[in-house]
């Protein structure tokens, strides 16, 4: 009975459509990440993709969520926007950070952004527009879910390790 259902055209057509969409999304994601890595984190068509590494933005973004970032003019940014930037001071020096703008100040003619993680008590050192990679558009749903599964030890074992061992 199950074989009859699985072989029916009513199951096969939606299955093939979903499978094709997932493959296209994953191939596009991998190509985008490779191009971004090769270029040294330069944007591609004004967009970047980053994975959340810490819990500073929970509940908005969980660890291992994949975020789409769009380059924007710093004049378009406002308090409440989530941005991704390259830290240059203190404990964020050299790290790529995604936090929320909590204040915007102008000091000596230079616009400075004050950011903080949603789940953090302390604010980050002030940043300038040259540090900002862009504004967070949101999570990339399918890629985020696959990333969560692969980053889980069981998901990695069954989806990556076991098929690789089988092929070898």
Protein backbone atom coordinates (compact mmCIF):
# COMPACT_ATOMS: atom_id res chain seq x y z
CA UNK A 1 0.00 0.00 0.00
CA UNK A 2 2.78 2.44 0.95
CA UNK A 3 4.68 1.62 -2.24
CA UNK A 4 1.56 2.37 -4.28
CA UNK A 5 1.23 5.80 -2.63
CA UNK A 6 4.94 6.62 -3.06
CA UNK A 7 4.87 5.62 -6.73
CA UNK A 8 1.72 7.58 -7.53
CA UNK A 9 2.01 10.76 -9.59
CA UNK A 10 0.16 12.67 -6.87
CA UNK A 11 3.09 12.06 -4.53
CA UNK A 12 5.93 12.16 -7.07
CA UNK A 13 5.16 15.60 -8.54
CA UNK A 14 5.16 17.53 -5.23
CA UNK A 15 8.14 15.47 -4.05
CA UNK A 16 10.18 16.40 -7.13
CA UNK A 17 9.21 20.07 -6.84
CA UNK A 18 10.24 20.27 -3.16
CA UNK A 19 13.43 18.32 -3.85
CA UNK A 20 14.35 20.64 -6.73
CA UNK A 21 13.70 23.78 -4.65
CA UNK A 22 15.87 22.48 -1.78
CA UNK A 23 18.70 21.57 -4.18
CA UNK A 24 18.56 25.00 -5.88
CA UNK A 25 18.58 26.80 -2.51
CA UNK A 26 21.50 24.72 -1.21
CA UNK A 27 23.58 25.07 -4.39
CA UNK A 28 22.97 28.84 -4.41
CA UNK A 29 23.87 29.06 -0.71
CA UNK A 30 27.10 27.06 -1.11
CA UNK A 31 28.11 29.08 -4.20
CA UNK A 32 27.39 32.33 -2.35
CA UNK A 33 29.40 31.28 0.72
CA UNK A 34 32.35 30.08 -1.38
CA UNK A 35 32.38 33.30 -3.40
CA UNK A 36 32.14 35.36 -0.21
CA UNK A 37 35.03 33.43 1.41
CA UNK A 38 37.24 33.64 -1.67
CA UNK A 39 36.63 37.39 -1.95
CA UNK A 40 37.46 38.02 1.72
CA UNK A 41 33.88 38.71 2.90
CA UNK A 42 33.14 41.14 0.10
CA UNK A 43 29.47 41.48 -0.76
CA UNK A 44 27.98 39.81 -3.78
CA UNK A 45 25.40 42.01 -5.53
CA UNK A 46 25.20 44.02 -2.27
CA UNK A 47 24.42 40.99 -0.09
CA UNK A 48 26.33 38.88 2.42
CA UNK A 49 25.48 35.75 4.38
CA UNK A 50 26.62 35.11 7.95
CA UNK A 51 25.94 32.42 10.54
CA UNK A 52 25.10 33.45 14.10
CA UNK A 53 27.84 32.18 16.42
CA UNK A 54 26.67 33.29 19.88
CA UNK A 55 23.45 33.68 21.83
CA UNK A 56 23.65 37.48 22.13
CA UNK A 57 20.62 37.99 19.87
CA UNK A 58 18.33 35.30 21.31
CA UNK A 59 15.29 35.20 21.00
CA UNK A 60 15.44 37.02 17.64
CA UNK A 61 18.28 34.94 16.18
CA UNK A 62 19.45 31.59 17.54
CA UNK A 63 22.95 30.14 17.37
CA UNK A 64 23.59 28.69 13.87
CA UNK A 65 20.84 30.74 12.21
CA UNK A 66 21.90 31.87 8.73
CA UNK A 67 21.26 35.58 8.16
CA UNK A 68 21.00 37.58 4.94
CA UNK A 69 22.70 40.98 5.19
CA UNK A 70 22.13 43.83 2.72
CA UNK A 71 24.52 46.72 2.24
CA UNK A 72 22.79 50.00 3.01
CA UNK A 73 23.75 53.65 3.25
CA UNK A 74 24.44 54.44 6.92
CA UNK A 75 22.00 57.36 6.68
CA UNK A 76 19.19 54.83 6.20
CA UNK A 77 19.94 53.08 9.50
CA UNK A 78 17.87 53.90 12.53
CA UNK A 79 17.54 52.88 16.16
CA UNK A 80 16.10 49.37 16.34
CA UNK A 81 17.77 48.09 13.15
CA UNK A 82 19.87 44.94 13.39
CA UNK A 83 23.24 45.37 11.69
CA UNK A 84 26.35 43.30 11.08
CA UNK A 85 29.71 44.99 11.52
CA UNK A 86 33.42 44.34 11.99
CA UNK A 87 34.47 45.12 15.56
CA UNK A 88 37.65 47.15 16.03
CA UNK A 89 37.83 47.68 19.80
CA UNK A 90 38.01 45.71 23.05
CA UNK A 91 36.48 42.22 23.10
CA UNK A 92 34.89 42.51 19.63
CA UNK A 93 38.18 43.45 17.91
CA UNK A 94 38.46 41.53 14.62
CA UNK A 95 35.10 39.79 15.11
CA UNK A 96 32.05 40.04 12.90
CA UNK A 97 29.13 41.02 15.13
CA UNK A 98 25.39 41.20 14.56
CA UNK A 99 23.67 43.45 17.10
CA UNK A 100 20.84 45.98 17.34
CA UNK A 101 21.35 49.75 17.10
CA UNK A 102 20.30 51.30 20.42
CA UNK A 103 21.59 54.84 19.84
CA UNK A 104 23.06 57.05 17.12
CA UNK A 105 25.34 59.97 18.04
CA UNK A 106 27.29 62.56 16.11
CA UNK A 107 30.65 63.41 17.69
CA UNK A 108 32.98 65.91 15.98
CA UNK A 109 31.00 65.54 12.76
CA UNK A 110 31.34 61.72 12.77
CA UNK A 111 28.24 59.54 13.01
CA UNK A 112 28.65 56.82 15.64
CA UNK A 113 26.36 53.86 16.20
CA UNK A 114 25.89 52.28 19.62
CA UNK A 115 24.82 48.63 19.41
CA UNK A 116 23.96 45.88 21.83
CA UNK A 117 22.87 42.29 21.65
CA UNK A 118 19.22 41.71 22.52
CA UNK A 119 20.34 39.17 25.12
CA UNK A 120 23.34 41.22 26.35
CA UNK A 121 23.52 43.55 29.33
CA UNK A 122 26.43 45.66 28.06
CA UNK A 123 26.54 47.80 24.95
CA UNK A 124 29.29 47.43 22.38
CA UNK A 125 31.99 50.02 21.71
CA UNK A 126 30.76 52.77 19.37
CA UNK A 127 31.22 51.99 15.67
CA UNK A 128 31.42 54.14 12.56
CA UNK A 129 29.82 53.56 9.17
CA UNK A 130 33.06 52.16 7.66
CA UNK A 131 32.75 49.14 10.00
CA UNK A 132 29.19 48.28 8.98
CA UNK A 133 28.69 45.39 6.54
CA UNK A 134 24.96 45.96 6.30
CA UNK A 135 21.48 45.64 7.72
CA UNK A 136 20.02 42.25 8.62
CA UNK A 137 17.18 41.32 6.28
CA UNK A 138 16.35 38.19 8.28
CA UNK A 139 16.96 34.47 8.51
CA UNK A 140 17.19 32.32 5.40
CA UNK A 141 14.62 29.69 6.48
CA UNK A 142 15.51 26.54 4.51
CA UNK A 143 19.26 27.05 4.88
CA UNK A 144 18.89 27.82 8.59
CA UNK A 145 16.96 24.60 9.21
CA UNK A 146 19.49 22.52 7.28
CA UNK A 147 22.33 24.28 9.13
CA UNK A 148 20.71 23.44 12.50
CA UNK A 149 20.39 19.78 11.50
CA UNK A 150 23.97 19.52 10.22
CA UNK A 151 25.43 21.28 13.29
CA UNK A 152 23.70 18.70 15.52
CA UNK A 153 25.96 15.68 16.12
CA UNK A 154 23.28 13.20 15.02
CA UNK A 155 22.36 15.23 11.96
CA UNK A 156 26.03 15.48 10.97
CA UNK A 157 26.49 11.74 11.48
CA UNK A 158 23.46 10.68 9.42
CA UNK A 159 23.55 13.38 6.71
CA UNK A 160 27.29 13.90 6.21
CA UNK A 161 29.49 11.27 7.84
CA UNK A 162 27.50 8.11 7.11
CA UNK A 163 26.86 8.92 3.41
CA UNK A 164 30.52 9.89 2.99
CA UNK A 165 31.72 6.62 4.53
CA UNK A 166 29.25 4.72 2.37
CA UNK A 167 30.58 6.36 -0.79
CA UNK A 168 34.22 5.74 0.18
